[in-house]
Amino acid sequence: MIEFQYFDGCPNAAKTLENLKAALTALNIDESAVTLREVPDPELAEELNFQGSPTILVNGRDIYTRKQPDSFNYTCRIYTFAGKKTGIIPKEFIEEKLKVLLE
C-alpha cells in the first residue's frame, strides 16, 4: 500500500505527486495503488504521525527514512538529496525506494 500524505497549500506536494506517478508508470504499478491523504489540521497530523508535507508511506514506512513514523510534524517537509535541501522528492529516488520497499 502506498499513501501520499500532504496538506493543501504545500508548494511541493503537486510536483512530488507528479514524480510519484511517473515512478509508478516506470515500474508498471497502477496509480490505483496510491491513496491520497490530505492532512488538513494538526490534530489529524498527530493522529497519523504525519511527518510533514509531502510524505510518501509504503506499507506504513516512510519512503525517505524507511521507518514507521512515531511522532508528527505539521509543516512543509524538507529533504536532502545529493547534499541539496529541497521539498520535492525526485522521481528517481521514489522509483528506487519503491523497488526495495515493495519487494
PDB file of N, CA and C in Angstrom:
ATOM      1  N   MET A   1       0.839  -1.191   0.000  1.00  0.00           N
ATOM      2  CA  MET A   1       0.000   0.000   0.000  1.00  0.00           C
ATOM      3  C   MET A   1       0.881   1.251   0.000  1.00  0.00           C
ATOM      4  N   ILE A   2       0.575   2.166  -0.878  1.00  0.00           N
ATOM      5  CA  ILE A   2       1.314   3.420  -0.983  1.00  0.00           C
ATOM      6  C   ILE A   2       0.363   4.550  -0.595  1.00  0.00           C
ATOM      7  N   GLU A   3       0.801   5.389   0.324  1.00  0.00           N
ATOM      8  CA  GLU A   3      -0.026   6.523   0.750  1.00  0.00           C
ATOM      9  C   GLU A   3       0.757   7.811   0.555  1.00  0.00           C
ATOM     10  N   PHE A   4       0.140   8.760  -0.144  1.00  0.00           N
ATOM     11  CA  PHE A   4       0.724  10.078  -0.352  1.00  0.00           C
ATOM     12  C   PHE A   4       0.020  11.038   0.592  1.00  0.00           C
ATOM     13  N   GLN A   5       0.764  11.586   1.541  1.00  0.00           N
ATOM     14  CA  GLN A   5       0.195  12.499   2.534  1.00  0.00           C
ATOM     15  C   GLN A   5       0.666  13.923   2.251  1.00  0.00           C
ATOM     16  N   TYR A   6      -0.260  14.871   2.387  1.00  0.00           N
ATOM     17  CA  TYR A   6       0.053  16.267   2.088  1.00  0.00           C
ATOM     18  C   TYR A   6      -0.958  17.161   2.785  1.00  0.00           C
ATOM     19  N   PHE A   7      -0.678  18.472   2.791  1.00  0.00           N
ATOM     20  CA  PHE A   7      -1.727  19.413   3.169  1.00  0.00           C
ATOM     21  C   PHE A   7      -1.860  20.470   2.088  1.00  0.00           C
ATOM     22  N   ASP A   8      -3.069  20.984   1.962  1.00  0.00           N
ATOM     23  CA  ASP A   8      -3.377  21.993   0.961  1.00  0.00           C
ATOM     24  C   ASP A   8      -2.514  23.218   1.222  1.00  0.00           C
ATOM     25  N   GLY A   9      -1.909  23.734   0.164  1.00  0.00           N
ATOM     26  CA  GLY A   9      -1.073  24.919   0.303  1.00  0.00           C
ATOM     27  C   GLY A   9       0.416  24.598   0.337  1.00  0.00           C
ATOM     28  N   CYS A  10       0.761  23.341   0.442  1.00  0.00           N
ATOM     29  CA  CYS A  10       2.177  22.958   0.403  1.00  0.00           C
ATOM     30  C   CYS A  10       2.677  23.136  -1.028  1.00  0.00           C
ATOM     31  N   PRO A  11       3.705  23.961  -1.238  1.00  0.00           N
ATOM     32  CA  PRO A  11       4.168  24.228  -2.602  1.00  0.00           C
ATOM     33  C   PRO A  11       4.881  23.041  -3.261  1.00  0.00           C
ATOM     34  N   ASN A  12       5.242  22.017  -2.490  1.00  0.00           N
ATOM     35  CA  ASN A  12       6.000  20.891  -3.036  1.00  0.00           C
ATOM     36  C   ASN A  12       5.167  19.638  -3.271  1.00  0.00           C
ATOM     37  N   ALA A  13       3.938  19.642  -2.813  1.00  0.00           N
ATOM     38  CA  ALA A  13       3.109  18.438  -2.890  1.00  0.00           C
ATOM     39  C   ALA A  13       2.791  18.044  -4.336  1.00  0.00           C
ATOM     40  N   ALA A  14       2.386  18.992  -5.168  1.00  0.00           N
ATOM     41  CA  ALA A  14       1.974  18.661  -6.540  1.00  0.00           C
ATOM     42  C   ALA A  14       3.122  18.051  -7.344  1.00  0.00           C
ATOM     43  N   LYS A  15       4.305  18.642  -7.259  1.00  0.00           N
ATOM     44  CA  LYS A  15       5.449  18.132  -8.024  1.00  0.00           C
ATOM     45  C   LYS A  15       5.883  16.764  -7.503  1.00  0.00           C
ATOM     46  N   THR A  16       5.853  16.566  -6.188  1.00  0.00           N
ATOM     47  CA  THR A  16       6.218  15.258  -5.635  1.00  0.00           C
ATOM     48  C   THR A  16       5.196  14.204  -6.058  1.00  0.00           C
ATOM     49  N   LEU A  17       3.917  14.559  -6.067  1.00  0.00           N
ATOM     50  CA  LEU A  17       2.885  13.620  -6.524  1.00  0.00           C
ATOM     51  C   LEU A  17       3.101  13.280  -8.003  1.00  0.00           C
ATOM     52  N   GLU A  18       3.438  14.274  -8.800  1.00  0.00           N
ATOM     53  CA  GLU A  18       3.740  14.050 -10.217  1.00  0.00           C
ATOM     54  C   GLU A  18       4.933  13.070 -10.348  1.00  0.00           C
ATOM     55  N   ASN A  19       5.964  13.255  -9.522  1.00  0.00           N
ATOM     56  CA  ASN A  19       7.120  12.361  -9.546  1.00  0.00           C
ATOM     57  C   ASN A  19       6.751  10.950  -9.110  1.00  0.00           C
ATOM     58  N   LEU A  20       5.867  10.846  -8.119  1.00  0.00           N
ATOM     59  CA  LEU A  20       5.397   9.539  -7.661  1.00  0.00           C
ATOM     60  C   LEU A  20       4.669   8.822  -8.796  1.00  0.00           C
ATOM     61  N   LYS A  21       3.783   9.534  -9.474  1.00  0.00           N
ATOM     62  CA  LYS A  21       3.030   8.927 -10.576  1.00  0.00           C
ATOM     63  C   LYS A  21       3.962   8.488 -11.702  1.00  0.00           C
ATOM     64  N   ALA A  22       4.986   9.276 -11.998  1.00  0.00           N
ATOM     65  CA  ALA A  22       5.953   8.917 -13.037  1.00  0.00           C
ATOM     66  C   ALA A  22       6.744   7.673 -12.632  1.00  0.00           C
ATOM     67  N   ALA A  23       7.088   7.572 -11.358  1.00  0.00           N
ATOM     68  CA  ALA A  23       7.806   6.392 -10.861  1.00  0.00           C
ATOM     69  C   ALA A  23       6.923   5.153 -10.959  1.00  0.00           C
ATOM     70  N   LEU A  24       5.656   5.304 -10.630  1.00  0.00           N
ATOM     71  CA  LEU A  24       4.722   4.181 -10.740  1.00  0.00           C
ATOM     72  C   LEU A  24       4.626   3.704 -12.188  1.00  0.00           C
ATOM     73  N   THR A  25       4.533   4.641 -13.106  1.00  0.00           N
ATOM     74  CA  THR A  25       4.456   4.296 -14.525  1.00  0.00           C
ATOM     75  C   THR A  25       5.713   3.538 -14.953  1.00  0.00           C
ATOM     76  N   ALA A  26       6.867   4.017 -14.523  1.00  0.00           N
ATOM     77  CA  ALA A  26       8.137   3.375 -14.883  1.00  0.00           C
ATOM     78  C   ALA A  26       8.221   1.949 -14.347  1.00  0.00           C
ATOM     79  N   LEU A  27       7.571   1.699 -13.217  1.00  0.00           N
ATOM     80  CA  LEU A  27       7.606   0.377 -12.585  1.00  0.00           C
ATOM     81  C   LEU A  27       6.383  -0.473 -12.923  1.00  0.00           C
ATOM     82  N   ASN A  28       5.538   0.027 -13.824  1.00  0.00           N
ATOM     83  CA  ASN A  28       4.301  -0.679 -14.211  1.00  0.00           C
ATOM     84  C   ASN A  28       3.388  -0.962 -13.014  1.00  0.00           C
ATOM     85  N   ILE A  29       3.280   0.016 -12.135  1.00  0.00           N
ATOM     86  CA  ILE A  29       2.377  -0.082 -10.985  1.00  0.00           C
ATOM     87  C   ILE A  29       1.205   0.857 -11.263  1.00  0.00           C
ATOM     88  N   ASP A  30      -0.002   0.348 -11.135  1.00  0.00           N
ATOM     89  CA  ASP A  30      -1.200   1.135 -11.403  1.00  0.00           C
ATOM     90  C   ASP A  30      -1.350   2.242 -10.359  1.00  0.00           C
ATOM     91  N   GLU A  31      -1.775   3.421 -10.806  1.00  0.00           N
ATOM     92  CA  GLU A  31      -1.972   4.557  -9.894  1.00  0.00           C
ATOM     93  C   GLU A  31      -3.006   4.265  -8.815  1.00  0.00           C
ATOM     94  N   SER A  32      -3.861   3.279  -9.045  1.00  0.00           N
ATOM     95  CA  SER A  32      -4.865   2.932  -8.037  1.00  0.00           C
ATOM     96  C   SER A  32      -4.218   2.349  -6.780  1.00  0.00           C
ATOM     97  N   ALA A  33      -2.925   2.035  -6.840  1.00  0.00           N
ATOM     98  CA  ALA A  33      -2.196   1.531  -5.674  1.00  0.00           C
ATOM     99  C   ALA A  33      -1.907   2.639  -4.672  1.00  0.00           C
ATOM    100  N   VAL A  34      -2.152   3.894  -5.075  1.00  0.00           N
ATOM    101  CA  VAL A  34      -1.847   5.046  -4.224  1.00  0.00           C
ATOM    102  C   VAL A  34      -3.118   5.601  -3.590  1.00  0.00           C
ATOM    103  N   THR A  35      -3.051   5.824  -2.294  1.00  0.00           N
ATOM    104  CA  THR A  35      -4.113   6.517  -1.570  1.00  0.00           C
ATOM    105  C   THR A  35      -3.634   7.937  -1.299  1.00  0.00           C
ATOM    106  N   LEU A  36      -4.433   8.930  -1.707  1.00  0.00           N
ATOM    107  CA  LEU A  36      -4.110  10.325  -1.395  1.00  0.00           C
ATOM    108  C   LEU A  36      -4.761  10.674  -0.069  1.00  0.00           C
ATOM    109  N   ARG A  37      -3.957  11.196   0.847  1.00  0.00           N
ATOM    110  CA  ARG A  37      -4.484  11.533   2.168  1.00  0.00           C
ATOM    111  C   ARG A  37      -4.147  12.982   2.486  1.00  0.00           C
ATOM    112  N   GLU A  38      -5.166  13.835   2.423  1.00  0.00           N
ATOM    113  CA  GLU A  38      -4.970  15.225   2.832  1.00  0.00           C
ATOM    114  C   GLU A  38      -5.003  15.285   4.351  1.00  0.00           C
ATOM    115  N   VAL A  39      -4.064  16.028   4.913  1.00  0.00           N
ATOM    116  CA  VAL A  39      -3.979  16.199   6.363  1.00  0.00           C
ATOM    117  C   VAL A  39      -4.258  17.682   6.635  1.00  0.00           C
ATOM    118  N   PRO A  40      -5.531  18.021   6.903  1.00  0.00           N
ATOM    119  CA  PRO A  40      -5.923  19.427   6.961  1.00  0.00           C
ATOM    120  C   PRO A  40      -5.627  20.160   8.268  1.00  0.00           C
ATOM    121  N   ASP A  41      -5.252  19.419   9.325  1.00  0.00           N
ATOM    122  CA  ASP A  41      -5.050  20.106  10.597  1.00  0.00           C
ATOM    123  C   ASP A  41      -4.072  19.345  11.494  1.00  0.00           C
ATOM    124  N   PRO A  42      -3.514  20.043  12.498  1.00  0.00           N
ATOM    125  CA  PRO A  42      -2.543  19.421  13.397  1.00  0.00           C
ATOM    126  C   PRO A  42      -3.109  18.228  14.181  1.00  0.00           C
ATOM    127  N   GLU A  43      -4.402  18.228  14.434  1.00  0.00           N
ATOM    128  CA  GLU A  43      -4.996  17.117  15.187  1.00  0.00           C
ATOM    129  C   GLU A  43      -4.895  15.805  14.397  1.00  0.00           C
ATOM    130  N   LEU A  44      -5.245  15.847  13.108  1.00  0.00           N
ATOM    131  CA  LEU A  44      -5.124  14.653  12.287  1.00  0.00           C
ATOM    132  C   LEU A  44      -3.651  14.302  12.074  1.00  0.00           C
ATOM    133  N   ALA A  45      -2.806  15.333  11.952  1.00  0.00           N
ATOM    134  CA  ALA A  45      -1.365  15.101  11.807  1.00  0.00           C
ATOM    135  C   ALA A  45      -0.833  14.284  12.982  1.00  0.00           C
ATOM    136  N   GLU A  46      -1.269  14.643  14.183  1.00  0.00           N
ATOM    137  CA  GLU A  46      -0.824  13.907  15.371  1.00  0.00           C
ATOM    138  C   GLU A  46      -1.368  12.476  15.358  1.00  0.00           C
ATOM    139  N   GLU A  47      -2.628  12.324  14.996  1.00  0.00           N
ATOM    140  CA  GLU A  47      -3.257  11.005  14.953  1.00  0.00           C
ATOM    141  C   GLU A  47      -2.551  10.067  13.962  1.00  0.00           C
ATOM    142  N   LEU A  48      -2.096  10.630  12.830  1.00  0.00           N
ATOM    143  CA  LEU A  48      -1.467   9.835  11.777  1.00  0.00           C
ATOM    144  C   LEU A  48       0.059   9.728  11.910  1.00  0.00           C
ATOM    145  N   ASN A  49       0.636  10.445  12.892  1.00  0.00           N
ATOM    146  CA  ASN A  49       2.098  10.579  12.958  1.00  0.00           C
ATOM    147  C   ASN A  49       2.643  11.129  11.638  1.00  0.00           C
ATOM    148  N   PHE A  50       1.957  12.139  11.135  1.00  0.00           N
ATOM    149  CA  PHE A  50       2.290  12.812   9.881  1.00  0.00           C
ATOM    150  C   PHE A  50       3.665  13.451   9.996  1.00  0.00           C
ATOM    151  N   GLN A  51       4.510  13.221   8.994  1.00  0.00           N
ATOM    152  CA  GLN A  51       5.886  13.724   9.040  1.00  0.00           C
ATOM    153  C   GLN A  51       6.071  15.074   8.364  1.00  0.00           C
ATOM    154  N   GLY A  52       5.031  15.592   7.751  1.00  0.00           N
ATOM    155  CA  GLY A  52       5.124  16.860   7.033  1.00  0.00           C
ATOM    156  C   GLY A  52       4.727  16.647   5.591  1.00  0.00           C
ATOM    157  N   SER A  53       4.487  17.748   4.889  1.00  0.00           N
ATOM    158  CA  SER A  53       4.006  17.676   3.516  1.00  0.00           C
ATOM    159  C   SER A  53       5.122  18.011   2.534  1.00  0.00           C
ATOM    160  N   PRO A  54       5.329  17.152   1.548  1.00  0.00           N
ATOM    161  CA  PRO A  54       4.675  15.880   1.265  1.00  0.00           C
ATOM    162  C   PRO A  54       5.410  14.704   1.918  1.00  0.00           C
ATOM    163  N   THR A  55       4.661  13.639   2.187  1.00  0.00           N
ATOM    164  CA  THR A  55       5.228  12.400   2.719  1.00  0.00           C
ATOM    165  C   THR A  55       4.671  11.241   1.902  1.00  0.00           C
ATOM    166  N   ILE A  56       5.527  10.270   1.609  1.00  0.00           N
ATOM    167  CA  ILE A  56       5.094   9.043   0.936  1.00  0.00           C
ATOM    168  C   ILE A  56       5.360   7.886   1.893  1.00  0.00           C
ATOM    169  N   LEU A  57       4.310   7.122   2.178  1.00  0.00           N
ATOM    170  CA  LEU A  57       4.441   5.928   3.007  1.00  0.00           C
ATOM    171  C   LEU A  57       4.235   4.699   2.127  1.00  0.00           C
ATOM    172  N   VAL A  58       5.043   3.687   2.352  1.00  0.00           N
ATOM    173  CA  VAL A  58       4.893   2.408   1.663  1.00  0.00           C
ATOM    174  C   VAL A  58       4.754   1.347   2.745  1.00  0.00           C
ATOM    175  N   ASN A  59       3.582   0.713   2.772  1.00  0.00           N
ATOM    176  CA  ASN A  59       3.271  -0.262   3.823  1.00  0.00           C
ATOM    177  C   ASN A  59       3.543   0.313   5.215  1.00  0.00           C
ATOM    178  N   GLY A  60       3.173   1.589   5.397  1.00  0.00           N
ATOM    179  CA  GLY A  60       3.299   2.248   6.691  1.00  0.00           C
ATOM    180  C   GLY A  60       4.677   2.801   6.997  1.00  0.00           C
ATOM    181  N   ARG A  61       5.642   2.584   6.103  1.00  0.00           N
ATOM    182  CA  ARG A  61       7.009   3.076   6.324  1.00  0.00           C
ATOM    183  C   ARG A  61       7.275   4.302   5.448  1.00  0.00           C
ATOM    184  N   ASP A  62       7.937   5.279   6.043  1.00  0.00           N
ATOM    185  CA  ASP A  62       8.297   6.493   5.333  1.00  0.00           C
ATOM    186  C   ASP A  62       9.319   6.149   4.238  1.00  0.00           C
ATOM    187  N   ILE A  63       9.061   6.584   3.017  1.00  0.00           N
ATOM    188  CA  ILE A  63       9.940   6.247   1.901  1.00  0.00           C
ATOM    189  C   ILE A  63      11.335   6.859   2.072  1.00  0.00           C
ATOM    190  N   TYR A  64      11.421   7.968   2.796  1.00  0.00           N
ATOM    191  CA  TYR A  64      12.695   8.666   2.978  1.00  0.00           C
ATOM    192  C   TYR A  64      13.517   8.062   4.114  1.00  0.00           C
ATOM    193  N   THR A  65      12.874   7.810   5.247  1.00  0.00           N
ATOM    194  CA  THR A  65      13.606   7.288   6.415  1.00  0.00           C
ATOM    195  C   THR A  65      13.574   5.768   6.502  1.00  0.00           C
ATOM    196  N   ARG A  66      12.613   5.157   5.787  1.00  0.00           N
ATOM    197  CA  ARG A  66      12.363   3.709   5.812  1.00  0.00           C
ATOM    198  C   ARG A  66      11.905   3.230   7.189  1.00  0.00           C
ATOM    199  N   LYS A  67      11.417   4.160   8.003  1.00  0.00           N
ATOM    200  CA  LYS A  67      10.927   3.819   9.339  1.00  0.00           C
ATOM    201  C   LYS A  67       9.439   4.128   9.441  1.00  0.00           C
ATOM    202  N   GLN A  68       8.791   3.449  10.365  1.00  0.00           N
ATOM    203  CA  GLN A  68       7.397   3.764  10.646  1.00  0.00           C
ATOM    204  C   GLN A  68       7.386   5.015  11.521  1.00  0.00           C
ATOM    205  N   PRO A  69       6.695   6.069  11.111  1.00  0.00           N
ATOM    206  CA  PRO A  69       6.680   7.313  11.885  1.00  0.00           C
ATOM    207  C   PRO A  69       6.157   7.103  13.305  1.00  0.00           C
ATOM    208  N   ASP A  70       6.821   7.750  14.273  1.00  0.00           N
ATOM    209  CA  ASP A  70       6.401   7.623  15.674  1.00  0.00           C
ATOM    210  C   ASP A  70       6.228   8.980  16.349  1.00  0.00           C
ATOM    211  N   SER A  71       6.231  10.034  15.533  1.00  0.00           N
ATOM    212  CA  SER A  71       5.986  11.384  16.032  1.00  0.00           C
ATOM    213  C   SER A  71       5.296  12.131  14.893  1.00  0.00           C
ATOM    214  N   PHE A  72       4.992  13.404  15.089  1.00  0.00           N
ATOM    215  CA  PHE A  72       4.338  14.127  13.997  1.00  0.00           C
ATOM    216  C   PHE A  72       4.927  15.516  13.832  1.00  0.00           C
ATOM    217  N   ASN A  73       4.724  16.056  12.627  1.00  0.00           N
ATOM    218  CA  ASN A  73       5.222  17.373  12.286  1.00  0.00           C
ATOM    219  C   ASN A  73       4.256  17.965  11.265  1.00  0.00           C
ATOM    220  N   TYR A  74       3.651  19.086  11.565  1.00  0.00           N
ATOM    221  CA  TYR A  74       2.686  19.690  10.654  1.00  0.00           C
ATOM    222  C   TYR A  74       3.306  20.909   9.969  1.00  0.00           C
ATOM    223  N   THR A  75       4.282  20.644   9.103  1.00  0.00           N
ATOM    224  CA  THR A  75       4.967  21.691   8.358  1.00  0.00           C
ATOM    225  C   THR A  75       5.260  21.180   6.955  1.00  0.00           C
ATOM    226  N   CYS A  76       5.757  22.068   6.107  1.00  0.00           N
ATOM    227  CA  CYS A  76       6.280  21.621   4.816  1.00  0.00           C
ATOM    228  C   CYS A  76       7.576  20.867   5.121  1.00  0.00           C
ATOM    229  N   ARG A  77       7.730  19.754   4.486  1.00  0.00           N
ATOM    230  CA  ARG A  77       8.861  18.877   4.780  1.00  0.00           C
ATOM    231  C   ARG A  77      10.054  19.233   3.888  1.00  0.00           C
ATOM    232  N   ILE A  78      11.246  19.148   4.464  1.00  0.00           N
ATOM    233  CA  ILE A  78      12.479  19.401   3.727  1.00  0.00           C
ATOM    234  C   ILE A  78      13.301  18.115   3.706  1.00  0.00           C
ATOM    235  N   TYR A  79      13.790  17.782   2.529  1.00  0.00           N
ATOM    236  CA  TYR A  79      14.612  16.587   2.328  1.00  0.00           C
ATOM    237  C   TYR A  79      16.004  17.013   1.867  1.00  0.00           C
ATOM    238  N   THR A  80      16.964  16.106   1.996  1.00  0.00           N
ATOM    239  CA  THR A  80      18.302  16.344   1.467  1.00  0.00           C
ATOM    240  C   THR A  80      18.633  15.243   0.467  1.00  0.00           C
ATOM    241  N   PHE A  81      18.924  15.641  -0.763  1.00  0.00           N
ATOM    242  CA  PHE A  81      19.317  14.717  -1.825  1.00  0.00           C
ATOM    243  C   PHE A  81      20.589  15.261  -2.458  1.00  0.00           C
ATOM    244  N   ALA A  82      21.615  14.421  -2.516  1.00  0.00           N
ATOM    245  CA  ALA A  82      22.905  14.805  -3.102  1.00  0.00           C
ATOM    246  C   ALA A  82      23.428  16.106  -2.481  1.00  0.00           C
ATOM    247  N   GLY A  83      23.246  16.234  -1.167  1.00  0.00           N
ATOM    248  CA  GLY A  83      23.754  17.392  -0.448  1.00  0.00           C
ATOM    249  C   GLY A  83      22.943  18.663  -0.603  1.00  0.00           C
ATOM    250  N   LYS A  84      21.809  18.604  -1.313  1.00  0.00           N
ATOM    251  CA  LYS A  84      20.982  19.791  -1.522  1.00  0.00           C
ATOM    252  C   LYS A  84      19.639  19.623  -0.831  1.00  0.00           C
ATOM    253  N   LYS A  85      19.179  20.685  -0.183  1.00  0.00           N
ATOM    254  CA  LYS A  85      17.891  20.662   0.507  1.00  0.00           C
ATOM    255  C   LYS A  85      16.779  21.025  -0.479  1.00  0.00           C
ATOM    256  N   THR A  86      15.681  20.277  -0.384  1.00  0.00           N
ATOM    257  CA  THR A  86      14.531  20.503  -1.256  1.00  0.00           C
ATOM    258  C   THR A  86      13.279  19.970  -0.577  1.00  0.00           C
ATOM    259  N   GLY A  87      12.143  20.443  -1.008  1.00  0.00           N
ATOM    260  CA  GLY A  87      10.878  19.926  -0.505  1.00  0.00           C
ATOM    261  C   GLY A  87      10.245  18.918  -1.445  1.00  0.00           C
ATOM    262  N   ILE A  88      10.910  18.666  -2.554  1.00  0.00           N
ATOM    263  CA  ILE A  88      10.378  17.775  -3.589  1.00  0.00           C
ATOM    264  C   ILE A  88      11.184  16.480  -3.609  1.00  0.00           C
ATOM    265  N   ILE A  89      10.481  15.351  -3.568  1.00  0.00           N
ATOM    266  CA  ILE A  89      11.157  14.054  -3.652  1.00  0.00           C
ATOM    267  C   ILE A  89      11.331  13.715  -5.141  1.00  0.00           C
ATOM    268  N   PRO A  90      12.574  13.492  -5.590  1.00  0.00           N
ATOM    269  CA  PRO A  90      12.809  13.212  -7.002  1.00  0.00           C
ATOM    270  C   PRO A  90      12.229  11.868  -7.463  1.00  0.00           C
ATOM    271  N   LYS A  91      11.818  11.804  -8.720  1.00  0.00           N
ATOM    272  CA  LYS A  91      11.264  10.587  -9.303  1.00  0.00           C
ATOM    273  C   LYS A  91      12.213   9.408  -9.147  1.00  0.00           C
ATOM    274  N   GLU A  92      13.484   9.620  -9.416  1.00  0.00           N
ATOM    275  CA  GLU A  92      14.465   8.539  -9.370  1.00  0.00           C
ATOM    276  C   GLU A  92      14.563   7.943  -7.959  1.00  0.00           C
ATOM    277  N   PHE A  93      14.525   8.800  -6.944  1.00  0.00           N
ATOM    278  CA  PHE A  93      14.577   8.335  -5.558  1.00  0.00           C
ATOM    279  C   PHE A  93      13.336   7.503  -5.242  1.00  0.00           C
ATOM    280  N   ILE A  94      12.174   8.012  -5.638  1.00  0.00           N
ATOM    281  CA  ILE A  94      10.921   7.296  -5.389  1.00  0.00           C
ATOM    282  C   ILE A  94      10.952   5.934  -6.063  1.00  0.00           C
ATOM    283  N   GLU A  95      11.373   5.915  -7.308  1.00  0.00           N
ATOM    284  CA  GLU A  95      11.420   4.669  -8.072  1.00  0.00           C
ATOM    285  C   GLU A  95      12.350   3.653  -7.392  1.00  0.00           C
ATOM    286  N   GLU A  96      13.525   4.110  -7.005  1.00  0.00           N
ATOM    287  CA  GLU A  96      14.498   3.228  -6.349  1.00  0.00           C
ATOM    288  C   GLU A  96      13.944   2.656  -5.038  1.00  0.00           C
ATOM    289  N   LYS A  97      13.319   3.501  -4.236  1.00  0.00           N
ATOM    290  CA  LYS A  97      12.793   3.051  -2.941  1.00  0.00           C
ATOM    291  C   LYS A  97      11.588   2.138  -3.114  1.00  0.00           C
ATOM    292  N   LEU A  98      10.731   2.421  -4.099  1.00  0.00           N
ATOM    293  CA  LEU A  98       9.578   1.549  -4.337  1.00  0.00           C
ATOM    294  C   LEU A  98      10.031   0.133  -4.703  1.00  0.00           C
ATOM    295  N   LYS A  99      11.074   0.043  -5.508  1.00  0.00           N
ATOM    296  CA  LYS A  99      11.611  -1.266  -5.892  1.00  0.00           C
ATOM    297  C   LYS A  99      11.978  -2.077  -4.648  1.00  0.00           C
ATOM    298  N   VAL A 100      12.638  -1.431  -3.700  1.00  0.00           N
ATOM    299  CA  VAL A 100      13.101  -2.089  -2.477  1.00  0.00           C
ATOM    300  C   VAL A 100      11.944  -2.366  -1.520  1.00  0.00           C
ATOM    301  N   LEU A 101      11.116  -1.361  -1.276  1.00  0.00           N
ATOM    302  CA  LEU A 101      10.074  -1.468  -0.262  1.00  0.00           C
ATOM    303  C   LEU A 101       8.887  -2.332  -0.687  1.00  0.00           C
ATOM    304  N   LEU A 102       8.702  -2.509  -1.991  1.00  0.00           N
ATOM    305  CA  LEU A 102       7.565  -3.314  -2.447  1.00  0.00           C
ATOM    306  C   LEU A 102       7.959  -4.762  -2.756  1.00  0.00           C
ATOM    307  N   GLU A 103       9.217  -5.112  -2.542  1.00  0.00           N
ATOM    308  CA  GLU A 103       9.643  -6.500  -2.785  1.00  0.00           C
ATOM    309  C   GLU A 103       9.105  -7.428  -1.728  1.00  0.00           C
TER     310      GLU A 103
END
